[in-house]
């Protein structure tokens, strides 16, 4: 009795192909279902300059929550936001950090190593050079419904401190388009399933080719069972 070469490999290839296909399909479905049940729209944006170093280098990409349907984002001090401020940045969104909200008094006194928020030193561990919290003096009380924003690279940032002549450098909350977030978990899971599925599917394809080549070769004679003489053999 003979058995065809590559039979086990062929079966293994079919298993891998099916498993890979199911993983890719599962990742696609999970991503679609997660997106359909979430009110939050996530977008990835590229940082075009060095003004947010060290948080973002030029060319980095970040994920942003673009808000719930028709609702304003809940923006707090220290948040990194995308804002539409055409008078500051035409043809694109401004990426900056919120340092003060409506009702806050934000100031910088020449020679001081920190900003002052409502009279108290403002700790900012995120800025590039903590000895240079700003390059100009200012003293602004932020109107309600507006925010004061600055880049983390204070020596190279066209932010609120550089536009003090217009509304004290503040921008309206309604100008905010997105808030920086960690990479969304559902996108990580969906993407991971897709990548693993693609790899498994590829391995199945390679194994299938190997099995096909083996099956086209000469059939291998089956080994006789233990203690049973092969046909034509003598005792």
Foldseek 3Di string as FASTA:
>chain_A
DFDFFLPVLQVLLVVLQVQLVVLLVVLVVLLVVVVVPDQWDKDKDAAQDCLQPPVDHHGDIFIWTQDGVPDFDDDDAQWWFWFDDCVQPNPGTDTWGFHFAAQWKWWDDPPDLAIAINRHGDDDPRADDSSDHADDTAIDHQHHQKTFTGHSDRVDTCALVVVCVPNHSIDGSVRTRTTTDHDDPSNVSSVVSNVVSVVSSVVSVVSNVVSVVRSPDDTDGDDDDPPDDDPPDDD
